[in-house]
Amino acid sequence: MATFAHITPERCAQLTRELTVAGLVWHDNGHQDDPKFLAFFVTDPHGRMWWVTPAASHQTSASCPEALWQAICEELVPGVATTPVMSARMLAAHMKDHPA
C-alpha cells in the first residue's frame, strides 16, 4: 500500500507558496491531515484545470527528495497529460508556462 509520510504541513505550505508566487489560482480539498486523500486544484493562465496530488512513497527518489508532487490536466490534447513527479517549484513553473 502506498504511504505518504513525506507529505508534511511544511511541504504543503511550500507547494501553496510556489503556486501563489507563480500567480496560479488554486484551492485544496482540505485533506492536508490525510495526504492520501489530499488534492490541490490549480487553474493555469490559459484557464485549464490541473489536479495536483502528492506522489506516493514508491514514486519518490532519495536522489531528488524535493520531488513530491505530480499533476494531471485532462484538458490537454491529446488525451490526459500527467506530469512526472516534480518539486513544488518545478511543478508550479510547469503549469504556469505550459503552452496553450
PDB file of N, CA and C in Angstrom:
ATOM      1  N   MET A   1       0.841  -1.185   0.000  1.00  0.00           N
ATOM      2  CA  MET A   1       0.000   0.000   0.000  1.00  0.00           C
ATOM      3  C   MET A   1       0.886   1.249   0.000  1.00  0.00           C
ATOM      4  N   ALA A   2       0.497   2.244  -0.731  1.00  0.00           N
ATOM      5  CA  ALA A   2       1.252   3.489  -0.821  1.00  0.00           C
ATOM      6  C   ALA A   2       1.198   4.248   0.499  1.00  0.00           C
ATOM      7  N   THR A   3       2.324   4.867   0.848  1.00  0.00           N
ATOM      8  CA  THR A   3       2.360   5.703   2.040  1.00  0.00           C
ATOM      9  C   THR A   3       2.700   7.137   1.636  1.00  0.00           C
ATOM     10  N   PHE A   4       2.379   8.069   2.517  1.00  0.00           N
ATOM     11  CA  PHE A   4       2.548   9.488   2.205  1.00  0.00           C
ATOM     12  C   PHE A   4       3.153  10.251   3.382  1.00  0.00           C
ATOM     13  N   ALA A   5       3.961   9.579   4.211  1.00  0.00           N
ATOM     14  CA  ALA A   5       4.530  10.225   5.392  1.00  0.00           C
ATOM     15  C   ALA A   5       5.423  11.413   5.027  1.00  0.00           C
ATOM     16  N   HIS A   6       5.930  11.449   3.805  1.00  0.00           N
ATOM     17  CA  HIS A   6       6.802  12.535   3.367  1.00  0.00           C
ATOM     18  C   HIS A   6       6.034  13.833   3.099  1.00  0.00           C
ATOM     19  N   ILE A   7       4.716  13.766   3.059  1.00  0.00           N
ATOM     20  CA  ILE A   7       3.919  14.977   2.834  1.00  0.00           C
ATOM     21  C   ILE A   7       3.575  15.573   4.192  1.00  0.00           C
ATOM     22  N   THR A   8       4.338  16.572   4.559  1.00  0.00           N
ATOM     23  CA  THR A   8       4.193  17.239   5.849  1.00  0.00           C
ATOM     24  C   THR A   8       3.467  18.570   5.651  1.00  0.00           C
ATOM     25  N   PRO A   9       2.992  19.170   6.739  1.00  0.00           N
ATOM     26  CA  PRO A   9       2.378  20.502   6.612  1.00  0.00           C
ATOM     27  C   PRO A   9       3.342  21.515   5.981  1.00  0.00           C
ATOM     28  N   GLU A  10       4.622  21.402   6.290  1.00  0.00           N
ATOM     29  CA  GLU A  10       5.602  22.326   5.709  1.00  0.00           C
ATOM     30  C   GLU A  10       5.711  22.141   4.200  1.00  0.00           C
ATOM     31  N   ARG A  11       5.659  20.910   3.737  1.00  0.00           N
ATOM     32  CA  ARG A  11       5.749  20.665   2.302  1.00  0.00           C
ATOM     33  C   ARG A  11       4.481  21.107   1.578  1.00  0.00           C
ATOM     34  N   CYS A  12       3.342  20.983   2.229  1.00  0.00           N
ATOM     35  CA  CYS A  12       2.094  21.524   1.654  1.00  0.00           C
ATOM     36  C   CYS A  12       2.178  23.038   1.575  1.00  0.00           C
ATOM     37  N   ALA A  13       2.707  23.659   2.637  1.00  0.00           N
ATOM     38  CA  ALA A  13       2.853  25.116   2.643  1.00  0.00           C
ATOM     39  C   ALA A  13       3.808  25.565   1.543  1.00  0.00           C
ATOM     40  N   GLN A  14       4.875  24.799   1.319  1.00  0.00           N
ATOM     41  CA  GLN A  14       5.810  25.135   0.246  1.00  0.00           C
ATOM     42  C   GLN A  14       5.110  25.093  -1.107  1.00  0.00           C
ATOM     43  N   LEU A  15       4.288  24.066  -1.334  1.00  0.00           N
ATOM     44  CA  LEU A  15       3.562  23.983  -2.604  1.00  0.00           C
ATOM     45  C   LEU A  15       2.630  25.174  -2.764  1.00  0.00           C
ATOM     46  N   THR A  16       1.884  25.504  -1.728  1.00  0.00           N
ATOM     47  CA  THR A  16       0.944  26.622  -1.856  1.00  0.00           C
ATOM     48  C   THR A  16       1.680  27.941  -2.080  1.00  0.00           C
ATOM     49  N   ARG A  17       2.842  28.114  -1.455  1.00  0.00           N
ATOM     50  CA  ARG A  17       3.644  29.327  -1.706  1.00  0.00           C
ATOM     51  C   ARG A  17       4.094  29.385  -3.153  1.00  0.00           C
ATOM     52  N   GLU A  18       4.581  28.275  -3.684  1.00  0.00           N
ATOM     53  CA  GLU A  18       5.069  28.255  -5.071  1.00  0.00           C
ATOM     54  C   GLU A  18       3.930  28.511  -6.058  1.00  0.00           C
ATOM     55  N   LEU A  19       2.761  27.942  -5.793  1.00  0.00           N
ATOM     56  CA  LEU A  19       1.611  28.188  -6.665  1.00  0.00           C
ATOM     57  C   LEU A  19       1.229  29.661  -6.639  1.00  0.00           C
ATOM     58  N   THR A  20       1.242  30.246  -5.453  1.00  0.00           N
ATOM     59  CA  THR A  20       0.883  31.660  -5.306  1.00  0.00           C
ATOM     60  C   THR A  20       1.906  32.559  -5.985  1.00  0.00           C
ATOM     61  N   VAL A  21       3.195  32.287  -5.757  1.00  0.00           N
ATOM     62  CA  VAL A  21       4.263  33.087  -6.382  1.00  0.00           C
ATOM     63  C   VAL A  21       4.177  33.009  -7.898  1.00  0.00           C
ATOM     64  N   ALA A  22       3.786  31.855  -8.425  1.00  0.00           N
ATOM     65  CA  ALA A  22       3.660  31.687  -9.880  1.00  0.00           C
ATOM     66  C   ALA A  22       2.417  32.388 -10.424  1.00  0.00           C
ATOM     67  N   GLY A  23       1.588  32.929  -9.539  1.00  0.00           N
ATOM     68  CA  GLY A  23       0.385  33.629  -9.986  1.00  0.00           C
ATOM     69  C   GLY A  23      -0.746  32.705 -10.379  1.00  0.00           C
ATOM     70  N   LEU A  24      -0.711  31.466  -9.904  1.00  0.00           N
ATOM     71  CA  LEU A  24      -1.753  30.498 -10.234  1.00  0.00           C
ATOM     72  C   LEU A  24      -2.877  30.544  -9.205  1.00  0.00           C
ATOM     73  N   VAL A  25      -4.086  30.378  -9.664  1.00  0.00           N
ATOM     74  CA  VAL A  25      -5.256  30.327  -8.781  1.00  0.00           C
ATOM     75  C   VAL A  25      -5.406  28.879  -8.333  1.00  0.00           C
ATOM     76  N   TRP A  26      -5.538  28.657  -7.036  1.00  0.00           N
ATOM     77  CA  TRP A  26      -5.602  27.293  -6.526  1.00  0.00           C
ATOM     78  C   TRP A  26      -6.485  27.216  -5.277  1.00  0.00           C
ATOM     79  N   HIS A  27      -6.901  26.003  -4.988  1.00  0.00           N
ATOM     80  CA  HIS A  27      -7.528  25.674  -3.705  1.00  0.00           C
ATOM     81  C   HIS A  27      -7.269  24.197  -3.448  1.00  0.00           C
ATOM     82  N   ASP A  28      -7.373  23.812  -2.190  1.00  0.00           N
ATOM     83  CA  ASP A  28      -7.184  22.398  -1.879  1.00  0.00           C
ATOM     84  C   ASP A  28      -8.497  21.817  -1.374  1.00  0.00           C
ATOM     85  N   ASN A  29      -8.507  20.511  -1.192  1.00  0.00           N
ATOM     86  CA  ASN A  29      -9.735  19.849  -0.760  1.00  0.00           C
ATOM     87  C   ASN A  29      -9.816  19.675   0.757  1.00  0.00           C
ATOM     88  N   GLY A  30      -8.886  20.291   1.497  1.00  0.00           N
ATOM     89  CA  GLY A  30      -8.955  20.272   2.954  1.00  0.00           C
ATOM     90  C   GLY A  30      -8.439  19.008   3.615  1.00  0.00           C
ATOM     91  N   HIS A  31      -7.752  18.147   2.891  1.00  0.00           N
ATOM     92  CA  HIS A  31      -7.272  16.887   3.466  1.00  0.00           C
ATOM     93  C   HIS A  31      -5.784  16.904   3.780  1.00  0.00           C
ATOM     94  N   GLN A  32      -5.255  18.046   4.178  1.00  0.00           N
ATOM     95  CA  GLN A  32      -3.832  18.100   4.495  1.00  0.00           C
ATOM     96  C   GLN A  32      -3.476  17.224   5.687  1.00  0.00           C
ATOM     97  N   ASP A  33      -4.445  16.881   6.508  1.00  0.00           N
ATOM     98  CA  ASP A  33      -4.202  15.983   7.636  1.00  0.00           C
ATOM     99  C   ASP A  33      -4.155  14.516   7.211  1.00  0.00           C
ATOM    100  N   ASP A  34      -4.552  14.205   5.993  1.00  0.00           N
ATOM    101  CA  ASP A  34      -4.560  12.835   5.475  1.00  0.00           C
ATOM    102  C   ASP A  34      -4.117  12.866   4.011  1.00  0.00           C
ATOM    103  N   PRO A  35      -2.796  12.924   3.772  1.00  0.00           N
ATOM    104  CA  PRO A  35      -2.277  13.155   2.414  1.00  0.00           C
ATOM    105  C   PRO A  35      -2.711  12.160   1.346  1.00  0.00           C
ATOM    106  N   LYS A  36      -3.101  10.954   1.714  1.00  0.00           N
ATOM    107  CA  LYS A  36      -3.522  10.023   0.653  1.00  0.00           C
ATOM    108  C   LYS A  36      -4.796  10.500  -0.026  1.00  0.00           C
ATOM    109  N   PHE A  37      -5.524  11.420   0.615  1.00  0.00           N
ATOM    110  CA  PHE A  37      -6.735  11.988   0.026  1.00  0.00           C
ATOM    111  C   PHE A  37      -6.559  13.444  -0.385  1.00  0.00           C
ATOM    112  N   LEU A  38      -5.355  13.983  -0.213  1.00  0.00           N
ATOM    113  CA  LEU A  38      -5.091  15.398  -0.488  1.00  0.00           C
ATOM    114  C   LEU A  38      -5.053  15.675  -1.982  1.00  0.00           C
ATOM    115  N   ALA A  39      -5.667  16.762  -2.383  1.00  0.00           N
ATOM    116  CA  ALA A  39      -5.602  17.225  -3.771  1.00  0.00           C
ATOM    117  C   ALA A  39      -5.654  18.744  -3.795  1.00  0.00           C
ATOM    118  N   PHE A  40      -4.935  19.311  -4.729  1.00  0.00           N
ATOM    119  CA  PHE A  40      -4.986  20.741  -4.997  1.00  0.00           C
ATOM    120  C   PHE A  40      -5.544  20.902  -6.402  1.00  0.00           C
ATOM    121  N   PHE A  41      -6.342  21.917  -6.596  1.00  0.00           N
ATOM    122  CA  PHE A  41      -6.931  22.211  -7.895  1.00  0.00           C
ATOM    123  C   PHE A  41      -6.386  23.562  -8.329  1.00  0.00           C
ATOM    124  N   VAL A  42      -5.713  23.577  -9.459  1.00  0.00           N
ATOM    125  CA  VAL A  42      -4.981  24.755  -9.912  1.00  0.00           C
ATOM    126  C   VAL A  42      -5.478  25.144 -11.295  1.00  0.00           C
ATOM    127  N   THR A  43      -5.715  26.438 -11.478  1.00  0.00           N
ATOM    128  CA  THR A  43      -6.086  26.957 -12.795  1.00  0.00           C
ATOM    129  C   THR A  43      -4.876  27.667 -13.371  1.00  0.00           C
ATOM    130  N   ASP A  44      -4.477  27.253 -14.584  1.00  0.00           N
ATOM    131  CA  ASP A  44      -3.301  27.864 -15.209  1.00  0.00           C
ATOM    132  C   ASP A  44      -3.709  29.136 -15.961  1.00  0.00           C
ATOM    133  N   PRO A  45      -2.746  29.889 -16.509  1.00  0.00           N
ATOM    134  CA  PRO A  45      -3.059  31.142 -17.198  1.00  0.00           C
ATOM    135  C   PRO A  45      -3.970  30.980 -18.419  1.00  0.00           C
ATOM    136  N   HIS A  46      -4.117  29.756 -18.928  1.00  0.00           N
ATOM    137  CA  HIS A  46      -4.976  29.504 -20.090  1.00  0.00           C
ATOM    138  C   HIS A  46      -6.355  29.002 -19.676  1.00  0.00           C
ATOM    139  N   GLY A  47      -6.628  28.991 -18.363  1.00  0.00           N
ATOM    140  CA  GLY A  47      -7.935  28.561 -17.877  1.00  0.00           C
ATOM    141  C   GLY A  47      -8.097  27.059 -17.717  1.00  0.00           C
ATOM    142  N   ARG A  48      -7.021  26.311 -17.898  1.00  0.00           N
ATOM    143  CA  ARG A  48      -7.099  24.852 -17.747  1.00  0.00           C
ATOM    144  C   ARG A  48      -6.990  24.477 -16.281  1.00  0.00           C
ATOM    145  N   MET A  49      -7.709  23.426 -15.887  1.00  0.00           N
ATOM    146  CA  MET A  49      -7.674  22.934 -14.513  1.00  0.00           C
ATOM    147  C   MET A  49      -6.675  21.794 -14.396  1.00  0.00           C
ATOM    148  N   TRP A  50      -5.799  21.905 -13.414  1.00  0.00           N
ATOM    149  CA  TRP A  50      -4.830  20.865 -13.087  1.00  0.00           C
ATOM    150  C   TRP A  50      -5.203  20.289 -11.722  1.00  0.00           C
ATOM    151  N   TRP A  51      -5.050  19.005 -11.581  1.00  0.00           N
ATOM    152  CA  TRP A  51      -5.302  18.298 -10.338  1.00  0.00           C
ATOM    153  C   TRP A  51      -3.943  17.852  -9.814  1.00  0.00           C
ATOM    154  N   VAL A  52      -3.503  18.417  -8.684  1.00  0.00           N
ATOM    155  CA  VAL A  52      -2.190  18.146  -8.122  1.00  0.00           C
ATOM    156  C   VAL A  52      -2.352  17.239  -6.906  1.00  0.00           C
ATOM    157  N   THR A  53      -1.565  16.162  -6.885  1.00  0.00           N
ATOM    158  CA  THR A  53      -1.602  15.222  -5.768  1.00  0.00           C
ATOM    159  C   THR A  53      -0.186  14.898  -5.319  1.00  0.00           C
ATOM    160  N   PRO A  54      -0.055  14.454  -4.073  1.00  0.00           N
ATOM    161  CA  PRO A  54       1.265  14.012  -3.629  1.00  0.00           C
ATOM    162  C   PRO A  54       1.644  12.706  -4.314  1.00  0.00           C
ATOM    163  N   ALA A  55       2.913  12.563  -4.593  1.00  0.00           N
ATOM    164  CA  ALA A  55       3.401  11.296  -5.120  1.00  0.00           C
ATOM    165  C   ALA A  55       3.446  10.292  -3.970  1.00  0.00           C
ATOM    166  N   ALA A  56       3.134   9.061  -4.268  1.00  0.00           N
ATOM    167  CA  ALA A  56       3.239   8.007  -3.256  1.00  0.00           C
ATOM    168  C   ALA A  56       4.715   7.753  -2.964  1.00  0.00           C
ATOM    169  N   SER A  57       4.998   7.190  -1.813  1.00  0.00           N
ATOM    170  CA  SER A  57       6.386   6.978  -1.404  1.00  0.00           C
ATOM    171  C   SER A  57       7.181   6.162  -2.419  1.00  0.00           C
ATOM    172  N   HIS A  58       6.557   5.228  -3.091  1.00  0.00           N
ATOM    173  CA  HIS A  58       7.288   4.419  -4.072  1.00  0.00           C
ATOM    174  C   HIS A  58       7.611   5.196  -5.353  1.00  0.00           C
ATOM    175  N   GLN A  59       7.030   6.398  -5.521  1.00  0.00           N
ATOM    176  CA  GLN A  59       7.309   7.229  -6.690  1.00  0.00           C
ATOM    177  C   GLN A  59       8.404   8.246  -6.433  1.00  0.00           C
ATOM    178  N   THR A  60       8.813   8.401  -5.179  1.00  0.00           N
ATOM    179  CA  THR A  60       9.819   9.394  -4.831  1.00  0.00           C
ATOM    180  C   THR A  60      11.204   8.763  -4.858  1.00  0.00           C
ATOM    181  N   SER A  61      12.218   9.609  -4.904  1.00  0.00           N
ATOM    182  CA  SER A  61      13.587   9.134  -5.007  1.00  0.00           C
ATOM    183  C   SER A  61      14.462   9.824  -3.968  1.00  0.00           C
ATOM    184  N   ALA A  62      15.313   9.076  -3.322  1.00  0.00           N
ATOM    185  CA  ALA A  62      16.248   9.653  -2.356  1.00  0.00           C
ATOM    186  C   ALA A  62      17.208  10.627  -3.032  1.00  0.00           C
ATOM    187  N   SER A  63      17.452  10.449  -4.311  1.00  0.00           N
ATOM    188  CA  SER A  63      18.365  11.344  -5.029  1.00  0.00           C
ATOM    189  C   SER A  63      17.724  12.693  -5.360  1.00  0.00           C
ATOM    190  N   CYS A  64      16.408  12.777  -5.241  1.00  0.00           N
ATOM    191  CA  CYS A  64      15.694  14.037  -5.502  1.00  0.00           C
ATOM    192  C   CYS A  64      14.543  14.155  -4.494  1.00  0.00           C
ATOM    193  N   PRO A  65      14.883  14.373  -3.215  1.00  0.00           N
ATOM    194  CA  PRO A  65      13.864  14.315  -2.164  1.00  0.00           C
ATOM    195  C   PRO A  65      12.801  15.408  -2.229  1.00  0.00           C
ATOM    196  N   GLU A  66      13.057  16.491  -2.963  1.00  0.00           N
ATOM    197  CA  GLU A  66      12.055  17.553  -3.064  1.00  0.00           C
ATOM    198  C   GLU A  66      10.987  17.262  -4.117  1.00  0.00           C
ATOM    199  N   ALA A  67      11.200  16.255  -4.933  1.00  0.00           N
ATOM    200  CA  ALA A  67      10.216  15.879  -5.964  1.00  0.00           C
ATOM    201  C   ALA A  67       9.126  15.045  -5.309  1.00  0.00           C
ATOM    202  N   LEU A  68       8.011  15.714  -4.983  1.00  0.00           N
ATOM    203  CA  LEU A  68       6.945  15.093  -4.199  1.00  0.00           C
ATOM    204  C   LEU A  68       5.565  15.200  -4.819  1.00  0.00           C
ATOM    205  N   TRP A  69       5.436  15.946  -5.905  1.00  0.00           N
ATOM    206  CA  TRP A  69       4.114  16.287  -6.427  1.00  0.00           C
ATOM    207  C   TRP A  69       3.988  15.904  -7.891  1.00  0.00           C
ATOM    208  N   GLN A  70       2.773  15.586  -8.312  1.00  0.00           N
ATOM    209  CA  GLN A  70       2.503  15.400  -9.726  1.00  0.00           C
ATOM    210  C   GLN A  70       1.127  15.969 -10.042  1.00  0.00           C
ATOM    211  N   ALA A  71       0.913  16.264 -11.320  1.00  0.00           N
ATOM    212  CA  ALA A  71      -0.334  16.903 -11.724  1.00  0.00           C
ATOM    213  C   ALA A  71      -0.894  16.246 -12.967  1.00  0.00           C
ATOM    214  N   ILE A  72      -2.195  16.350 -13.079  1.00  0.00           N
ATOM    215  CA  ILE A  72      -2.919  15.840 -14.243  1.00  0.00           C
ATOM    216  C   ILE A  72      -3.764  16.983 -14.793  1.00  0.00           C
ATOM    217  N   CYS A  73      -3.744  17.126 -16.107  1.00  0.00           N
ATOM    218  CA  CYS A  73      -4.625  18.081 -16.775  1.00  0.00           C
ATOM    219  C   CYS A  73      -5.353  17.343 -17.880  1.00  0.00           C
ATOM    220  N   GLU A  74      -6.635  17.136 -17.694  1.00  0.00           N
ATOM    221  CA  GLU A  74      -7.433  16.403 -18.684  1.00  0.00           C
ATOM    222  C   GLU A  74      -7.755  17.244 -19.906  1.00  0.00           C
ATOM    223  N   GLU A  75      -7.501  18.546 -19.838  1.00  0.00           N
ATOM    224  CA  GLU A  75      -7.844  19.428 -20.953  1.00  0.00           C
ATOM    225  C   GLU A  75      -6.746  19.519 -22.003  1.00  0.00           C
ATOM    226  N   LEU A  76      -5.602  18.915 -21.752  1.00  0.00           N
ATOM    227  CA  LEU A  76      -4.532  18.954 -22.737  1.00  0.00           C
ATOM    228  C   LEU A  76      -4.770  17.907 -23.803  1.00  0.00           C
ATOM    229  N   VAL A  77      -4.462  18.271 -25.017  1.00  0.00           N
ATOM    230  CA  VAL A  77      -4.672  17.369 -26.150  1.00  0.00           C
ATOM    231  C   VAL A  77      -3.300  16.896 -26.609  1.00  0.00           C
ATOM    232  N   PRO A  78      -3.098  15.676 -26.959  1.00  0.00           N
ATOM    233  CA  PRO A  78      -4.074  14.590 -26.981  1.00  0.00           C
ATOM    234  C   PRO A  78      -4.175  13.907 -25.622  1.00  0.00           C
ATOM    235  N   GLY A  79      -5.353  13.615 -25.231  1.00  0.00           N
ATOM    236  CA  GLY A  79      -5.614  12.860 -24.015  1.00  0.00           C
ATOM    237  C   GLY A  79      -5.242  13.577 -22.737  1.00  0.00           C
ATOM    238  N   VAL A  80      -5.146  12.810 -21.707  1.00  0.00           N
ATOM    239  CA  VAL A  80      -4.833  13.322 -20.385  1.00  0.00           C
ATOM    240  C   VAL A  80      -3.319  13.450 -20.237  1.00  0.00           C
ATOM    241  N   ALA A  81      -2.858  14.590 -19.756  1.00  0.00           N
ATOM    242  CA  ALA A  81      -1.432  14.792 -19.543  1.00  0.00           C
ATOM    243  C   ALA A  81      -1.119  14.683 -18.060  1.00  0.00           C
ATOM    244  N   THR A  82      -0.246  13.761 -17.718  1.00  0.00           N
ATOM    245  CA  THR A  82       0.222  13.613 -16.345  1.00  0.00           C
ATOM    246  C   THR A  82       1.692  13.993 -16.314  1.00  0.00           C
ATOM    247  N   THR A  83       2.047  14.854 -15.385  1.00  0.00           N
ATOM    248  CA  THR A  83       3.441  15.273 -15.275  1.00  0.00           C
ATOM    249  C   THR A  83       4.248  14.190 -14.573  1.00  0.00           C
ATOM    250  N   PRO A  84       5.560  14.240 -14.738  1.00  0.00           N
ATOM    251  CA  PRO A  84       6.398  13.415 -13.875  1.00  0.00           C
ATOM    252  C   PRO A  84       6.307  13.957 -12.443  1.00  0.00           C
ATOM    253  N   VAL A  85       6.831  13.220 -11.496  1.00  0.00           N
ATOM    254  CA  VAL A  85       6.903  13.707 -10.118  1.00  0.00           C
ATOM    255  C   VAL A  85       7.932  14.828 -10.094  1.00  0.00           C
ATOM    256  N   MET A  86       7.532  15.991  -9.526  1.00  0.00           N
ATOM    257  CA  MET A  86       8.385  17.183  -9.546  1.00  0.00           C
ATOM    258  C   MET A  86       8.395  17.860  -8.183  1.00  0.00           C
ATOM    259  N   SER A  87       9.331  18.791  -8.025  1.00  0.00           N
ATOM    260  CA  SER A  87       9.342  19.638  -6.839  1.00  0.00           C
ATOM    261  C   SER A  87       8.198  20.642  -6.946  1.00  0.00           C
ATOM    262  N   ALA A  88       7.866  21.263  -5.836  1.00  0.00           N
ATOM    263  CA  ALA A  88       6.795  22.265  -5.827  1.00  0.00           C
ATOM    264  C   ALA A  88       7.107  23.397  -6.808  1.00  0.00           C
ATOM    265  N   ARG A  89       8.331  23.884  -6.783  1.00  0.00           N
ATOM    266  CA  ARG A  89       8.720  24.998  -7.660  1.00  0.00           C
ATOM    267  C   ARG A  89       8.654  24.602  -9.129  1.00  0.00           C
ATOM    268  N   MET A  90       9.179  23.431  -9.462  1.00  0.00           N
ATOM    269  CA  MET A  90       9.161  22.990 -10.865  1.00  0.00           C
ATOM    270  C   MET A  90       7.741  22.739 -11.356  1.00  0.00           C
ATOM    271  N   LEU A  91       6.901  22.174 -10.490  1.00  0.00           N
ATOM    272  CA  LEU A  91       5.527  21.896 -10.892  1.00  0.00           C
ATOM    273  C   LEU A  91       4.761  23.193 -11.135  1.00  0.00           C
ATOM    274  N   ALA A  92       4.921  24.171 -10.245  1.00  0.00           N
ATOM    275  CA  ALA A  92       4.250  25.461 -10.429  1.00  0.00           C
ATOM    276  C   ALA A  92       4.703  26.116 -11.733  1.00  0.00           C
ATOM    277  N   ALA A  93       6.005  26.081 -12.005  1.00  0.00           N
ATOM    278  CA  ALA A  93       6.521  26.662 -13.257  1.00  0.00           C
ATOM    279  C   ALA A  93       5.993  25.908 -14.468  1.00  0.00           C
ATOM    280  N   HIS A  94       5.912  24.598 -14.371  1.00  0.00           N
ATOM    281  CA  HIS A  94       5.401  23.788 -15.484  1.00  0.00           C
ATOM    282  C   HIS A  94       3.957  24.168 -15.814  1.00  0.00           C
ATOM    283  N   MET A  95       3.126  24.278 -14.796  1.00  0.00           N
ATOM    284  CA  MET A  95       1.715  24.618 -15.040  1.00  0.00           C
ATOM    285  C   MET A  95       1.583  26.054 -15.556  1.00  0.00           C
ATOM    286  N   LYS A  96       2.370  26.962 -15.013  1.00  0.00           N
ATOM    287  CA  LYS A  96       2.311  28.360 -15.443  1.00  0.00           C
ATOM    288  C   LYS A  96       2.753  28.523 -16.889  1.00  0.00           C
ATOM    289  N   ASP A  97       3.812  27.823 -17.273  1.00  0.00           N
ATOM    290  CA  ASP A  97       4.435  28.031 -18.573  1.00  0.00           C
ATOM    291  C   ASP A  97       3.995  27.042 -19.652  1.00  0.00           C
ATOM    292  N   HIS A  98       3.120  26.109 -19.314  1.00  0.00           N
ATOM    293  CA  HIS A  98       2.700  25.102 -20.310  1.00  0.00           C
ATOM    294  C   HIS A  98       1.973  25.816 -21.451  1.00  0.00           C
ATOM    295  N   PRO A  99       2.391  25.572 -22.685  1.00  0.00           N
ATOM    296  CA  PRO A  99       1.788  26.309 -23.816  1.00  0.00           C
ATOM    297  C   PRO A  99       0.307  25.975 -24.002  1.00  0.00           C
ATOM    298  N   ALA A 100      -0.365  26.920 -24.613  1.00  0.00           N
ATOM    299  CA  ALA A 100      -1.815  26.745 -24.888  1.00  0.00           C
ATOM    300  C   ALA A 100      -2.027  25.743 -25.979  1.00  0.00           C
TER     301      ALA A 100
END
